Amino acid sequence: MSTQSVRTTKQYIYDFIHENGRTYHRYQAGQYMFPNDQVEIDRLDLQHEILKCLFGGRSHFAPLKNPKHVVDIGTGTGKWATDMAKLYPSAYITGTDLSPIQPERIHPNLHFVIDDANEDDWMLSHLQDYIHTRILMGCFEDFREIIAKSFRNLKPGGWMESQETYPTVYCDDNTMPPDYAFAEWTKTQDQAAMTIGKPLRIANKLKRWYEQAGFVDVHEEVYKLPINSWPRDPQFKMLGHFHQINLLDGLQALSLRPFQEGLNWTIDQIEVYLAHVRRGISDRNVHAYHKIYVVWGRKPEEHELGVPSPPS
């Protein structure tokens, strides 16, 4: 490719789409429903820190042993990939995304690639020891295809892991009224996403999908993340405080395109509705929480698959 072609391609990728005061990715425009501007970048960084704290500082749950090649699908701002580059300095970490919103100054063992995981051929030069995804609900028509592609791109014995929010709002003590605005919003967003063809409710299906794809040693852990600072426990109160900020800062981003394209709502309709939803999120009398699913599984070794050894 010529220098001019490289320059033109780079300009194209950075020529973000401006829409309703937000910006969206240009490369493979429309594949991802949510913005990529500074407001969203800051929110994604906060979300990373929330999950890191929720998981007790763990970046991964799969039992990795000196991985050499690691890829983060849908890396976003690259925070998780950056943590992994520091944690495993001898590993080669690749983060892929549709948006070039990752930092330019990075660790020498970290590499970011603009790539579409929907494509059959991933831009990876090696089979991987570990493939990671995090909060990719609403990103794909069928996440099972991402699991299948990950299986193909793993070395025998390699691991895949998904950390995913389930959007249903839960409450264990009957403090959530039947008309709780935030719970109603999740149903409306789900309807919009299904109309567009990008389902949100994938987290509770991941374990089964991993097993169907051929993974073994599949594990699942589920964490509770408070909607706001209602808990008495100091740790969960703090997590709830920051998750409330995460939700309030992300509510418009998570609503604009889905509600416009999936439900034909106007901007004015969306903004009036979201004002009501924000009050619900901030109501500490409602002891609501999200469930965060973590699922990981191993690609079998060849001898586990019953593959015959070559003749001696």
C-alpha atoms as a PDB file:
ATOM      1  CA  MET A   1       0.000   0.000   0.000  1.00  0.00           C
ATOM      2  CA  SER A   2       1.353   3.438  -0.915  1.00  0.00           C
ATOM      3  CA  THR A   3       2.084   6.158   1.642  1.00  0.00           C
ATOM      4  CA  GLN A   4      -0.785   8.183   0.194  1.00  0.00           C
ATOM      5  CA  SER A   5      -3.154   5.227   0.558  1.00  0.00           C
ATOM      6  CA  VAL A   6      -2.106   4.712   4.183  1.00  0.00           C
ATOM      7  CA  ARG A   7      -2.630   8.411   4.896  1.00  0.00           C
ATOM      8  CA  THR A   8      -6.053   8.386   3.215  1.00  0.00           C
ATOM      9  CA  THR A   9      -7.118   5.272   5.127  1.00  0.00           C
ATOM     10  CA  LYS A  10      -6.022   6.811   8.443  1.00  0.00           C
ATOM     11  CA  GLN A  11      -7.903  10.027   7.670  1.00  0.00           C
ATOM     12  CA  TYR A  12     -11.001   7.978   6.838  1.00  0.00           C
ATOM     13  CA  ILE A  13     -10.857   6.007  10.097  1.00  0.00           C
ATOM     14  CA  TYR A  14     -10.515   9.215  12.126  1.00  0.00           C
ATOM     15  CA  ASP A  15     -13.282  11.002  10.208  1.00  0.00           C
ATOM     16  CA  PHE A  16     -15.907  10.234  12.826  1.00  0.00           C
ATOM     17  CA  ILE A  17     -19.616  10.559  12.116  1.00  0.00           C
ATOM     18  CA  HIS A  18     -21.251  13.497  13.939  1.00  0.00           C
ATOM     19  CA  GLU A  19     -24.816  12.856  15.009  1.00  0.00           C
ATOM     20  CA  ASN A  20     -27.002  14.486  17.681  1.00  0.00           C
ATOM     21  CA  GLY A  21     -23.997  16.133  19.322  1.00  0.00           C
ATOM     22  CA  ARG A  22     -22.124  12.822  19.622  1.00  0.00           C
ATOM     23  CA  THR A  23     -19.521  11.113  17.426  1.00  0.00           C
ATOM     24  CA  TYR A  24     -19.564   7.545  16.088  1.00  0.00           C
ATOM     25  CA  HIS A  25     -17.010   5.309  14.369  1.00  0.00           C
ATOM     26  CA  ARG A  26     -16.534   5.697  10.599  1.00  0.00           C
ATOM     27  CA  TYR A  27     -14.916   2.343   9.828  1.00  0.00           C
ATOM     28  CA  GLN A  28     -17.702  -0.187   9.212  1.00  0.00           C
ATOM     29  CA  ALA A  29     -20.154   2.597  10.104  1.00  0.00           C
ATOM     30  CA  GLY A  30     -23.269   1.450  11.921  1.00  0.00           C
ATOM     31  CA  GLN A  31     -21.904  -1.859  13.221  1.00  0.00           C
ATOM     32  CA  TYR A  32     -21.639  -0.424  16.749  1.00  0.00           C
ATOM     33  CA  MET A  33     -24.669   1.482  18.067  1.00  0.00           C
ATOM     34  CA  PHE A  34     -22.922   3.620  20.643  1.00  0.00           C
ATOM     35  CA  PRO A  35     -20.721   6.775  20.519  1.00  0.00           C
ATOM     36  CA  ASN A  36     -16.934   7.023  20.689  1.00  0.00           C
ATOM     37  CA  ASP A  37     -16.478  10.633  21.852  1.00  0.00           C
ATOM     38  CA  GLN A  38     -14.629  11.918  24.904  1.00  0.00           C
ATOM     39  CA  VAL A  39     -17.675  11.638  27.159  1.00  0.00           C
ATOM     40  CA  GLU A  40     -17.976   7.965  26.268  1.00  0.00           C
ATOM     41  CA  ILE A  41     -14.218   7.401  26.524  1.00  0.00           C
ATOM     42  CA  ASP A  42     -14.268   8.744  30.084  1.00  0.00           C
ATOM     43  CA  ARG A  43     -17.263   6.558  30.920  1.00  0.00           C
ATOM     44  CA  LEU A  44     -15.599   3.432  29.530  1.00  0.00           C
ATOM     45  CA  ASP A  45     -12.482   4.162  31.578  1.00  0.00           C
ATOM     46  CA  LEU A  46     -14.632   4.517  34.704  1.00  0.00           C
ATOM     47  CA  GLN A  47     -16.474   1.292  33.876  1.00  0.00           C
ATOM     48  CA  HIS A  48     -13.135  -0.507  33.637  1.00  0.00           C
ATOM     49  CA  GLU A  49     -12.148   0.671  37.119  1.00  0.00           C
ATOM     50  CA  ILE A  50     -15.543  -0.348  38.529  1.00  0.00           C
ATOM     51  CA  LEU A  51     -15.203  -3.896  37.219  1.00  0.00           C
ATOM     52  CA  LYS A  52     -11.600  -4.101  38.323  1.00  0.00           C
ATOM     53  CA  CYS A  53     -12.679  -3.226  41.865  1.00  0.00           C
ATOM     54  CA  LEU A  54     -15.705  -5.551  41.717  1.00  0.00           C
ATOM     55  CA  PHE A  55     -13.410  -8.421  40.691  1.00  0.00           C
ATOM     56  CA  GLY A  56     -10.978  -7.736  43.524  1.00  0.00           C
ATOM     57  CA  GLY A  57      -8.315  -6.369  41.205  1.00  0.00           C
ATOM     58  CA  ARG A  58      -8.330  -9.405  38.925  1.00  0.00           C
ATOM     59  CA  SER A  59      -7.921  -8.804  35.204  1.00  0.00           C
ATOM     60  CA  HIS A  60      -8.846 -12.374  34.322  1.00  0.00           C
ATOM     61  CA  PHE A  61     -10.316 -15.514  35.870  1.00  0.00           C
ATOM     62  CA  ALA A  62      -8.969 -18.086  33.419  1.00  0.00           C
ATOM     63  CA  PRO A  63      -5.900 -19.862  34.889  1.00  0.00           C
ATOM     64  CA  LEU A  64      -3.275 -18.430  32.558  1.00  0.00           C
ATOM     65  CA  LYS A  65       0.315 -19.674  32.700  1.00  0.00           C
ATOM     66  CA  ASN A  66       2.795 -17.390  30.970  1.00  0.00           C
ATOM     67  CA  PRO A  67       0.615 -16.591  27.933  1.00  0.00           C
ATOM     68  CA  LYS A  68       2.507 -15.510  24.821  1.00  0.00           C
ATOM     69  CA  HIS A  69      -0.326 -14.154  22.679  1.00  0.00           C
ATOM     70  CA  VAL A  70      -3.427 -12.445  24.080  1.00  0.00           C
ATOM     71  CA  VAL A  71      -6.188 -10.595  22.223  1.00  0.00           C
ATOM     72  CA  ASP A  72      -8.928  -8.321  23.561  1.00  0.00           C
ATOM     73  CA  ILE A  73     -11.914  -8.187  21.192  1.00  0.00           C
ATOM     74  CA  GLY A  74     -13.716  -4.830  21.332  1.00  0.00           C
ATOM     75  CA  THR A  75     -10.957  -3.276  23.413  1.00  0.00           C
ATOM     76  CA  GLY A  76     -12.586   0.175  23.568  1.00  0.00           C
ATOM     77  CA  THR A  77     -10.178   2.577  25.238  1.00  0.00           C
ATOM     78  CA  GLY A  78      -7.669  -0.228  25.770  1.00  0.00           C
ATOM     79  CA  LYS A  79      -7.608  -0.062  29.573  1.00  0.00           C
ATOM     80  CA  TRP A  80      -7.923  -3.811  30.092  1.00  0.00           C
ATOM     81  CA  ALA A  81      -5.330  -4.558  27.411  1.00  0.00           C
ATOM     82  CA  THR A  82      -2.965  -2.058  29.030  1.00  0.00           C
ATOM     83  CA  ASP A  83      -3.345  -3.769  32.399  1.00  0.00           C
ATOM     84  CA  MET A  84      -2.589  -7.120  30.774  1.00  0.00           C
ATOM     85  CA  ALA A  85       0.505  -5.726  29.049  1.00  0.00           C
ATOM     86  CA  LYS A  86       1.839  -4.690  32.457  1.00  0.00           C
ATOM     87  CA  LEU A  87       0.792  -7.948  34.114  1.00  0.00           C
ATOM     88  CA  TYR A  88       2.432 -10.110  31.432  1.00  0.00           C
ATOM     89  CA  PRO A  89       5.392  -8.137  30.047  1.00  0.00           C
ATOM     90  CA  SER A  90       6.637 -11.124  28.030  1.00  0.00           C
ATOM     91  CA  ALA A  91       3.270 -11.591  26.287  1.00  0.00           C
ATOM     92  CA  TYR A  92       2.212  -9.898  23.052  1.00  0.00           C
ATOM     93  CA  ILE A  93      -1.137  -8.204  23.722  1.00  0.00           C
ATOM     94  CA  THR A  94      -3.433  -7.159  20.855  1.00  0.00           C
ATOM     95  CA  GLY A  95      -6.548  -5.023  21.288  1.00  0.00           C
ATOM     96  CA  THR A  96      -9.015  -4.807  18.391  1.00  0.00           C
ATOM     97  CA  ASP A  97     -11.820  -2.307  17.916  1.00  0.00           C
ATOM     98  CA  LEU A  98     -13.762  -0.353  15.294  1.00  0.00           C
ATOM     99  CA  SER A  99     -12.726   2.992  16.818  1.00  0.00           C
ATOM    100  CA  PRO A 100      -9.178   4.380  17.145  1.00  0.00           C
ATOM    101  CA  ILE A 101      -9.763   5.729  20.656  1.00  0.00           C
ATOM    102  CA  GLN A 102      -6.857   3.993  22.378  1.00  0.00           C
ATOM    103  CA  PRO A 103      -3.811   5.875  23.733  1.00  0.00           C
ATOM    104  CA  GLU A 104      -0.870   6.429  21.399  1.00  0.00           C
ATOM    105  CA  ARG A 105       1.809   5.989  24.068  1.00  0.00           C
ATOM    106  CA  ILE A 106       1.611   2.323  24.990  1.00  0.00           C
ATOM    107  CA  HIS A 107       3.728  -0.498  26.384  1.00  0.00           C
ATOM    108  CA  PRO A 108       6.119  -2.114  23.887  1.00  0.00           C
ATOM    109  CA  ASN A 109       4.279  -5.450  24.125  1.00  0.00           C
ATOM    110  CA  LEU A 110       0.877  -3.875  23.383  1.00  0.00           C
ATOM    111  CA  HIS A 111      -0.595  -3.338  19.925  1.00  0.00           C
ATOM    112  CA  PHE A 112      -3.957  -1.907  18.863  1.00  0.00           C
ATOM    113  CA  VAL A 113      -5.630  -2.834  15.574  1.00  0.00           C
ATOM    114  CA  ILE A 114      -8.698  -1.347  13.890  1.00  0.00           C
ATOM    115  CA  ASP A 115     -10.599  -4.481  12.975  1.00  0.00           C
ATOM    116  CA  ASP A 116     -14.160  -5.774  12.766  1.00  0.00           C
ATOM    117  CA  ALA A 117     -14.723  -8.971  14.732  1.00  0.00           C
ATOM    118  CA  ASN A 118     -17.701  -9.700  12.465  1.00  0.00           C
ATOM    119  CA  GLU A 119     -15.258 -10.468   9.662  1.00  0.00           C
ATOM    120  CA  ASP A 120     -14.237 -14.088   9.157  1.00  0.00           C
ATOM    121  CA  ASP A 121     -10.517 -13.333   9.013  1.00  0.00           C
ATOM    122  CA  TRP A 122      -9.243 -11.656  12.159  1.00  0.00           C
ATOM    123  CA  MET A 123      -6.058  -9.635  11.799  1.00  0.00           C
ATOM    124  CA  LEU A 124      -4.020 -11.940  14.038  1.00  0.00           C
ATOM    125  CA  SER A 125      -0.635 -13.335  13.059  1.00  0.00           C
ATOM    126  CA  HIS A 126      -0.643 -16.175  15.610  1.00  0.00           C
ATOM    127  CA  LEU A 127      -3.016 -18.550  17.300  1.00  0.00           C
ATOM    128  CA  GLN A 128      -3.777 -17.091  20.716  1.00  0.00           C
ATOM    129  CA  ASP A 129      -3.265 -18.353  24.256  1.00  0.00           C
ATOM    130  CA  TYR A 130      -6.129 -16.238  25.576  1.00  0.00           C
ATOM    131  CA  ILE A 131      -9.020 -14.298  24.009  1.00  0.00           C
ATOM    132  CA  HIS A 132     -10.979 -11.827  26.111  1.00  0.00           C
ATOM    133  CA  THR A 133     -14.250  -9.949  25.647  1.00  0.00           C
ATOM    134  CA  ARG A 134     -15.952  -7.509  27.984  1.00  0.00           C
ATOM    135  CA  ILE A 135     -19.426  -5.920  27.835  1.00  0.00           C
ATOM    136  CA  LEU A 136     -20.078  -6.512  24.150  1.00  0.00           C
ATOM    137  CA  MET A 137     -23.850  -6.877  24.506  1.00  0.00           C
ATOM    138  CA  GLY A 138     -25.583  -5.113  21.635  1.00  0.00           C
ATOM    139  CA  CYS A 139     -22.477  -5.300  19.458  1.00  0.00           C
ATOM    140  CA  PHE A 140     -23.219  -8.410  17.398  1.00  0.00           C
ATOM    141  CA  GLU A 141     -26.177 -10.073  15.736  1.00  0.00           C
ATOM    142  CA  ASP A 142     -25.099 -13.436  17.144  1.00  0.00           C
ATOM    143  CA  PHE A 143     -22.389 -13.582  19.794  1.00  0.00           C
ATOM    144  CA  ARG A 144     -22.117 -17.328  19.240  1.00  0.00           C
ATOM    145  CA  GLU A 145     -20.223 -16.512  16.046  1.00  0.00           C
ATOM    146  CA  ILE A 146     -17.642 -14.564  18.070  1.00  0.00           C
ATOM    147  CA  ILE A 147     -17.254 -17.537  20.387  1.00  0.00           C
ATOM    148  CA  ALA A 148     -16.802 -19.879  17.411  1.00  0.00           C
ATOM    149  CA  LYS A 149     -14.216 -17.586  15.793  1.00  0.00           C
ATOM    150  CA  SER A 150     -12.385 -17.309  19.089  1.00  0.00           C
ATOM    151  CA  PHE A 151     -12.289 -21.100  19.341  1.00  0.00           C
ATOM    152  CA  ARG A 152     -10.703 -21.280  15.878  1.00  0.00           C
ATOM    153  CA  ASN A 153      -8.141 -18.603  16.748  1.00  0.00           C
ATOM    154  CA  LEU A 154      -7.018 -20.242  19.999  1.00  0.00           C
ATOM    155  CA  LYS A 155      -4.174 -22.676  20.427  1.00  0.00           C
ATOM    156  CA  PRO A 156      -5.193 -26.089  21.778  1.00  0.00           C
ATOM    157  CA  GLY A 157      -5.285 -25.563  25.533  1.00  0.00           C
ATOM    158  CA  GLY A 158      -5.927 -21.830  25.127  1.00  0.00           C
ATOM    159  CA  TRP A 159      -8.615 -19.972  27.050  1.00  0.00           C
ATOM    160  CA  MET A 160     -11.488 -17.644  26.197  1.00  0.00           C
ATOM    161  CA  GLU A 161     -13.175 -15.423  28.763  1.00  0.00           C
ATOM    162  CA  SER A 162     -16.187 -13.092  28.632  1.00  0.00           C
ATOM    163  CA  GLN A 163     -17.156 -10.545  31.283  1.00  0.00           C
ATOM    164  CA  GLU A 164     -20.668  -9.329  30.572  1.00  0.00           C
ATOM    165  CA  THR A 165     -23.456  -7.267  32.129  1.00  0.00           C
ATOM    166  CA  TYR A 166     -26.969  -8.688  32.154  1.00  0.00           C
ATOM    167  CA  PRO A 167     -29.228  -5.646  31.696  1.00  0.00           C
ATOM    168  CA  THR A 168     -32.174  -6.814  33.817  1.00  0.00           C
ATOM    169  CA  VAL A 169     -32.506  -4.792  37.033  1.00  0.00           C
ATOM    170  CA  TYR A 170     -32.751  -6.988  40.144  1.00  0.00           C
ATOM    171  CA  CYS A 171     -33.937  -6.290  43.690  1.00  0.00           C
ATOM    172  CA  ASP A 172     -33.988  -8.720  46.635  1.00  0.00           C
ATOM    173  CA  ASP A 173     -36.007  -6.796  49.234  1.00  0.00           C
ATOM    174  CA  ASN A 174     -39.149  -5.604  47.406  1.00  0.00           C
ATOM    175  CA  THR A 175     -38.047  -1.948  47.404  1.00  0.00           C
ATOM    176  CA  MET A 176     -38.312  -1.743  43.603  1.00  0.00           C
ATOM    177  CA  PRO A 177     -41.806  -0.630  42.517  1.00  0.00           C
ATOM    178  CA  PRO A 178     -43.464  -2.270  39.486  1.00  0.00           C
ATOM    179  CA  ASP A 179     -43.112   0.962  37.503  1.00  0.00           C
ATOM    180  CA  TYR A 180     -39.448   1.604  38.383  1.00  0.00           C
ATOM    181  CA  ALA A 181     -38.254   3.863  35.579  1.00  0.00           C
ATOM    182  CA  PHE A 182     -34.812   2.349  35.112  1.00  0.00           C
ATOM    183  CA  ALA A 183     -36.211  -1.188  34.888  1.00  0.00           C
ATOM    184  CA  GLU A 184     -38.690   0.030  32.275  1.00  0.00           C
ATOM    185  CA  TRP A 185     -35.837   1.664  30.336  1.00  0.00           C
ATOM    186  CA  THR A 186     -33.938  -1.636  30.157  1.00  0.00           C
ATOM    187  CA  LYS A 187     -37.004  -3.275  28.612  1.00  0.00           C
ATOM    188  CA  THR A 188     -37.398  -0.426  26.123  1.00  0.00           C
ATOM    189  CA  GLN A 189     -33.721  -0.555  25.193  1.00  0.00           C
ATOM    190  CA  ASP A 190     -33.954  -4.321  24.801  1.00  0.00           C
ATOM    191  CA  GLN A 191     -36.929  -3.944  22.451  1.00  0.00           C
ATOM    192  CA  ALA A 192     -35.023  -1.380  20.383  1.00  0.00           C
ATOM    193  CA  ALA A 193     -31.897  -3.535  20.206  1.00  0.00           C
ATOM    194  CA  MET A 194     -33.866  -6.615  19.151  1.00  0.00           C
ATOM    195  CA  THR A 195     -35.560  -4.606  16.392  1.00  0.00           C
ATOM    196  CA  ILE A 196     -32.143  -3.532  15.114  1.00  0.00           C
ATOM    197  CA  GLY A 197     -30.866  -7.095  15.428  1.00  0.00           C
ATOM    198  CA  LYS A 198     -28.225  -6.549  18.120  1.00  0.00           C
ATOM    199  CA  PRO A 199     -29.475  -8.408  21.221  1.00  0.00           C
ATOM    200  CA  LEU A 200     -28.416  -7.280  24.680  1.00  0.00           C
ATOM    201  CA  ARG A 201     -29.349 -10.236  26.883  1.00  0.00           C
ATOM    202  CA  ILE A 202     -26.455 -12.583  26.241  1.00  0.00           C
ATOM    203  CA  ALA A 203     -24.673 -12.839  29.604  1.00  0.00           C
ATOM    204  CA  ASN A 204     -26.766 -15.663  31.061  1.00  0.00           C
ATOM    205  CA  LYS A 205     -26.363 -17.714  27.857  1.00  0.00           C
ATOM    206  CA  LEU A 206     -22.576 -17.537  27.634  1.00  0.00           C
ATOM    207  CA  LYS A 207     -21.780 -20.691  29.603  1.00  0.00           C
ATOM    208  CA  ARG A 208     -24.076 -22.789  27.428  1.00  0.00           C
ATOM    209  CA  TRP A 209     -22.757 -21.179  24.230  1.00  0.00           C
ATOM    210  CA  TYR A 210     -19.157 -21.843  25.273  1.00  0.00           C
ATOM    211  CA  GLU A 211     -19.944 -25.513  25.844  1.00  0.00           C
ATOM    212  CA  GLN A 212     -21.812 -25.791  22.540  1.00  0.00           C
ATOM    213  CA  ALA A 213     -18.796 -24.279  20.742  1.00  0.00           C
ATOM    214  CA  GLY A 214     -16.553 -27.059  22.075  1.00  0.00           C
ATOM    215  CA  PHE A 215     -14.948 -25.431  25.109  1.00  0.00           C
ATOM    216  CA  VAL A 216     -14.255 -27.591  28.156  1.00  0.00           C
ATOM    217  CA  ASP A 217     -13.623 -26.700  31.807  1.00  0.00           C
ATOM    218  CA  VAL A 218     -16.237 -23.965  31.405  1.00  0.00           C
ATOM    219  CA  HIS A 219     -16.830 -21.909  34.549  1.00  0.00           C
ATOM    220  CA  GLU A 220     -19.286 -19.169  35.447  1.00  0.00           C
ATOM    221  CA  GLU A 221     -19.251 -16.637  38.273  1.00  0.00           C
ATOM    222  CA  VAL A 222     -21.925 -13.992  38.860  1.00  0.00           C
ATOM    223  CA  TYR A 223     -21.355 -10.709  40.699  1.00  0.00           C
ATOM    224  CA  LYS A 224     -23.842  -8.163  42.012  1.00  0.00           C
ATOM    225  CA  LEU A 225     -23.208  -4.506  41.139  1.00  0.00           C
ATOM    226  CA  PRO A 226     -25.450  -1.945  42.918  1.00  0.00           C
ATOM    227  CA  ILE A 227     -27.209   0.650  40.758  1.00  0.00           C
ATOM    228  CA  ASN A 228     -26.360   3.459  43.204  1.00  0.00           C
ATOM    229  CA  SER A 229     -24.941   3.961  46.695  1.00  0.00           C
ATOM    230  CA  TRP A 230     -27.834   2.327  48.584  1.00  0.00           C
ATOM    231  CA  PRO A 231     -25.794  -0.524  50.222  1.00  0.00           C
ATOM    232  CA  ARG A 232     -24.564  -0.186  53.803  1.00  0.00           C
ATOM    233  CA  ASP A 233     -21.383  -2.126  53.120  1.00  0.00           C
ATOM    234  CA  PRO A 234     -18.688   0.512  52.400  1.00  0.00           C
ATOM    235  CA  GLN A 235     -17.192  -1.399  49.464  1.00  0.00           C
ATOM    236  CA  PHE A 236     -20.519  -1.917  47.716  1.00  0.00           C
ATOM    237  CA  LYS A 237     -21.645   1.611  48.571  1.00  0.00           C
ATOM    238  CA  MET A 238     -18.557   2.929  46.786  1.00  0.00           C
ATOM    239  CA  LEU A 239     -19.111   0.612  43.808  1.00  0.00           C
ATOM    240  CA  GLY A 240     -22.745   1.689  43.620  1.00  0.00           C
ATOM    241  CA  HIS A 241     -21.758   5.359  43.729  1.00  0.00           C
ATOM    242  CA  PHE A 242     -19.483   4.980  40.723  1.00  0.00           C
ATOM    243  CA  HIS A 243     -21.873   2.687  38.852  1.00  0.00           C
ATOM    244  CA  GLN A 244     -24.542   5.367  39.240  1.00  0.00           C
ATOM    245  CA  ILE A 245     -22.167   7.851  37.595  1.00  0.00           C
ATOM    246  CA  ASN A 246     -21.432   5.265  34.902  1.00  0.00           C
ATOM    247  CA  LEU A 247     -25.138   4.809  34.191  1.00  0.00           C
ATOM    248  CA  LEU A 248     -26.042   8.495  34.269  1.00  0.00           C
ATOM    249  CA  ASP A 249     -23.138   9.409  31.994  1.00  0.00           C
ATOM    250  CA  GLY A 250     -23.949   6.570  29.611  1.00  0.00           C
ATOM    251  CA  LEU A 251     -27.729   6.726  29.501  1.00  0.00           C
ATOM    252  CA  GLN A 252     -27.929   9.049  26.496  1.00  0.00           C
ATOM    253  CA  ALA A 253     -25.195   7.168  24.640  1.00  0.00           C
ATOM    254  CA  LEU A 254     -26.992   3.866  25.189  1.00  0.00           C
ATOM    255  CA  SER A 255     -30.342   5.284  24.061  1.00  0.00           C
ATOM    256  CA  LEU A 256     -29.869   7.627  21.093  1.00  0.00           C
ATOM    257  CA  ARG A 257     -29.292   5.335  18.130  1.00  0.00           C
ATOM    258  CA  PRO A 258     -31.217   2.331  19.494  1.00  0.00           C
ATOM    259  CA  PHE A 259     -34.322   4.382  20.238  1.00  0.00           C
ATOM    260  CA  GLN A 260     -34.132   6.364  17.000  1.00  0.00           C
ATOM    261  CA  GLU A 261     -33.405   3.449  14.678  1.00  0.00           C
ATOM    262  CA  GLY A 262     -35.272   0.728  16.531  1.00  0.00           C
ATOM    263  CA  LEU A 263     -38.309   2.603  17.837  1.00  0.00           C
ATOM    264  CA  ASN A 264     -38.445   5.723  15.616  1.00  0.00           C
ATOM    265  CA  TRP A 265     -38.346   8.034  18.622  1.00  0.00           C
ATOM    266  CA  THR A 266     -37.397  11.688  18.174  1.00  0.00           C
ATOM    267  CA  ILE A 267     -34.552  13.334  20.067  1.00  0.00           C
ATOM    268  CA  ASP A 268     -37.048  15.336  22.128  1.00  0.00           C
ATOM    269  CA  GLN A 269     -38.954  12.176  23.057  1.00  0.00           C
ATOM    270  CA  ILE A 270     -35.736  10.484  24.115  1.00  0.00           C
ATOM    271  CA  GLU A 271     -34.485  13.379  26.245  1.00  0.00           C
ATOM    272  CA  VAL A 272     -37.807  13.829  28.067  1.00  0.00           C
ATOM    273  CA  TYR A 273     -37.955  10.106  28.773  1.00  0.00           C
ATOM    274  CA  LEU A 274     -34.349   9.935  29.998  1.00  0.00           C
ATOM    275  CA  ALA A 275     -34.938  12.716  32.533  1.00  0.00           C
ATOM    276  CA  HIS A 276     -37.475  10.412  34.173  1.00  0.00           C
ATOM    277  CA  VAL A 277     -35.102   7.437  34.006  1.00  0.00           C
ATOM    278  CA  ARG A 278     -32.239   9.393  35.605  1.00  0.00           C
ATOM    279  CA  ARG A 279     -34.397  10.111  38.638  1.00  0.00           C
ATOM    280  CA  GLY A 280     -35.040   6.391  38.963  1.00  0.00           C
ATOM    281  CA  ILE A 281     -31.352   5.508  38.795  1.00  0.00           C
ATOM    282  CA  SER A 282     -30.600   8.028  41.554  1.00  0.00           C
ATOM    283  CA  ASP A 283     -33.355   6.834  43.917  1.00  0.00           C
ATOM    284  CA  ARG A 284     -31.547   5.237  46.875  1.00  0.00           C
ATOM    285  CA  ASN A 285     -34.831   3.959  48.287  1.00  0.00           C
ATOM    286  CA  VAL A 286     -34.754   1.344  45.530  1.00  0.00           C
ATOM    287  CA  HIS A 287     -32.167  -1.331  46.350  1.00  0.00           C
ATOM    288  CA  ALA A 288     -31.503  -2.418  42.781  1.00  0.00           C
ATOM    289  CA  TYR A 289     -28.476  -4.052  41.201  1.00  0.00           C
ATOM    290  CA  HIS A 290     -27.101  -5.525  37.996  1.00  0.00           C
ATOM    291  CA  LYS A 291     -25.638  -8.990  37.567  1.00  0.00           C
ATOM    292  CA  ILE A 292     -22.175  -9.231  36.012  1.00  0.00           C
ATOM    293  CA  TYR A 293     -21.394 -12.631  34.504  1.00  0.00           C
ATOM    294  CA  VAL A 294     -17.854 -13.945  34.086  1.00  0.00           C
ATOM    295  CA  VAL A 295     -17.492 -17.062  31.944  1.00  0.00           C
ATOM    296  CA  TRP A 296     -14.288 -18.768  30.872  1.00  0.00           C
ATOM    297  CA  GLY A 297     -13.471 -22.007  29.095  1.00  0.00           C
ATOM    298  CA  ARG A 298     -10.577 -23.925  27.563  1.00  0.00           C
ATOM    299  CA  LYS A 299     -10.080 -25.182  24.027  1.00  0.00           C
ATOM    300  CA  PRO A 300      -9.300 -28.903  24.341  1.00  0.00           C
ATOM    301  CA  GLU A 301      -5.886 -30.272  23.586  1.00  0.00           C
ATOM    302  CA  GLU A 302      -5.714 -32.432  20.467  1.00  0.00           C
ATOM    303  CA  HIS A 303      -5.450 -35.649  22.490  1.00  0.00           C
ATOM    304  CA  GLU A 304      -8.709 -34.724  24.258  1.00  0.00           C
ATOM    305  CA  LEU A 305     -10.475 -34.530  20.913  1.00  0.00           C
ATOM    306  CA  GLY A 306      -9.482 -38.049  19.966  1.00  0.00           C
ATOM    307  CA  VAL A 307      -7.380 -36.830  17.051  1.00  0.00           C
ATOM    308  CA  PRO A 308      -5.199 -39.749  15.908  1.00  0.00           C
ATOM    309  CA  SER A 309      -1.464 -39.255  16.145  1.00  0.00           C
ATOM    310  CA  PRO A 310       0.455 -39.170  12.854  1.00  0.00           C
ATOM    311  CA  PRO A 311       2.111 -42.471  11.890  1.00  0.00           C
ATOM    312  CA  SER A 312       5.639 -42.932  13.185  1.00  0.00           C
END
